[in-house]
Structure formats: structure tokens, C-alpha cells
Amino acid sequence: LAILDDRDTGVVITGLHTRDRTRVYMKDIRVGKSNFELSAEEKKAILSAQKSK
């Protein structure tokens, strides 16, 4: 899930599920980019959020 404003700044939220736990990660997005490495799914979510404006 990516949530972006009109300047492509916001967050991407990722959930990783295992049998005994769920971990949720949030990465800052500024002007469409992150200081953290993004997975293919996270990049896809960002592109989708950018197109839906």
C-alpha cells in the first residue's frame, strides 16, 4: 500500500506474514523515491498510487 500526496511524498506500507507472526514495515517516500531499498511490489504500489491521482 502506498499513500502519496500531490508531490509524490508519503509512505509505502508492507506486511510480511509467517505462520506465527506478522511484521509491518513503513518506508518514507519523498518525491517518488525512498532512502531504503524497495521491493518490486513496493515499487508497483508507488506507481499505482502515482497514476491514481
C-alpha atoms as a PDB file:
ATOM      1  CA  LEU A   1       0.000   0.000   0.000  1.00  0.00           C
ATOM      2  CA  ALA A   2       1.398   3.390  -0.996  1.00  0.00           C
ATOM      3  CA  ILE A   3      -0.082   6.667   0.204  1.00  0.00           C
ATOM      4  CA  LEU A   4       1.253   9.743  -1.604  1.00  0.00           C
ATOM      5  CA  ASP A   5       0.357  13.423  -1.775  1.00  0.00           C
ATOM      6  CA  ASP A   6       0.431  15.600  -4.905  1.00  0.00           C
ATOM      7  CA  ARG A   7       4.234  15.911  -4.593  1.00  0.00           C
ATOM      8  CA  ASP A   8       4.695  12.095  -4.515  1.00  0.00           C
ATOM      9  CA  THR A   9       5.642  12.285  -0.841  1.00  0.00           C
ATOM     10  CA  GLY A  10       4.218   9.836   1.680  1.00  0.00           C
ATOM     11  CA  VAL A  11       4.719   6.242   2.779  1.00  0.00           C
ATOM     12  CA  VAL A  12       4.669   2.705   1.468  1.00  0.00           C
ATOM     13  CA  ILE A  13       3.431   0.072   3.931  1.00  0.00           C
ATOM     14  CA  THR A  14       4.335  -3.610   3.577  1.00  0.00           C
ATOM     15  CA  GLY A  15       3.127  -6.592   5.595  1.00  0.00           C
ATOM     16  CA  LEU A  16       5.092  -9.843   5.813  1.00  0.00           C
ATOM     17  CA  HIS A  17       3.161 -12.826   7.148  1.00  0.00           C
ATOM     18  CA  THR A  18       4.536 -16.069   8.585  1.00  0.00           C
ATOM     19  CA  ARG A  19       2.807 -18.863  10.420  1.00  0.00           C
ATOM     20  CA  ASP A  20       3.371 -17.353  13.858  1.00  0.00           C
ATOM     21  CA  ARG A  21       3.643 -13.592  13.257  1.00  0.00           C
ATOM     22  CA  THR A  22       3.036 -10.644  11.002  1.00  0.00           C
ATOM     23  CA  ARG A  23       5.528  -7.837  10.543  1.00  0.00           C
ATOM     24  CA  VAL A  24       4.558  -4.455   9.155  1.00  0.00           C
ATOM     25  CA  TYR A  25       7.137  -2.112   7.642  1.00  0.00           C
ATOM     26  CA  MET A  26       6.717   1.514   6.648  1.00  0.00           C
ATOM     27  CA  LYS A  27       9.156   3.368   4.391  1.00  0.00           C
ATOM     28  CA  ASP A  28       9.176   7.114   3.753  1.00  0.00           C
ATOM     29  CA  ILE A  29       8.729   8.255   0.173  1.00  0.00           C
ATOM     30  CA  ARG A  30       9.913  11.716  -0.870  1.00  0.00           C
ATOM     31  CA  VAL A  31       9.332  12.939  -4.419  1.00  0.00           C
ATOM     32  CA  GLY A  32       8.628   9.347  -5.501  1.00  0.00           C
ATOM     33  CA  LYS A  33      11.829   7.863  -4.059  1.00  0.00           C
ATOM     34  CA  SER A  34      12.957   6.217  -0.822  1.00  0.00           C
ATOM     35  CA  ASN A  35      16.272   6.119   1.013  1.00  0.00           C
ATOM     36  CA  PHE A  36      15.561   2.422   1.593  1.00  0.00           C
ATOM     37  CA  GLU A  37      15.712  -0.357  -0.972  1.00  0.00           C
ATOM     38  CA  LEU A  38      12.226  -1.038  -2.323  1.00  0.00           C
ATOM     39  CA  SER A  39      10.878  -4.428  -3.358  1.00  0.00           C
ATOM     40  CA  ALA A  40       9.254  -4.916  -6.752  1.00  0.00           C
ATOM     41  CA  GLU A  41       5.841  -4.957  -5.049  1.00  0.00           C
ATOM     42  CA  GLU A  42       6.566  -1.674  -3.235  1.00  0.00           C
ATOM     43  CA  LYS A  43       7.670  -0.024  -6.486  1.00  0.00           C
ATOM     44  CA  LYS A  44       4.483  -1.262  -8.151  1.00  0.00           C
ATOM     45  CA  ALA A  45       2.364   0.177  -5.319  1.00  0.00           C
ATOM     46  CA  ILE A  46       4.082   3.564  -5.681  1.00  0.00           C
ATOM     47  CA  LEU A  47       3.487   3.618  -9.445  1.00  0.00           C
ATOM     48  CA  SER A  48      -0.152   2.694  -8.885  1.00  0.00           C
ATOM     49  CA  ALA A  49      -0.574   5.500  -6.333  1.00  0.00           C
ATOM     50  CA  GLN A  50       1.040   7.995  -8.711  1.00  0.00           C
ATOM     51  CA  LYS A  51      -1.309   7.001 -11.548  1.00  0.00           C
ATOM     52  CA  SER A  52      -4.439   7.190  -9.397  1.00  0.00           C
ATOM     53  CA  LYS A  53      -4.158  10.951  -8.761  1.00  0.00           C
END
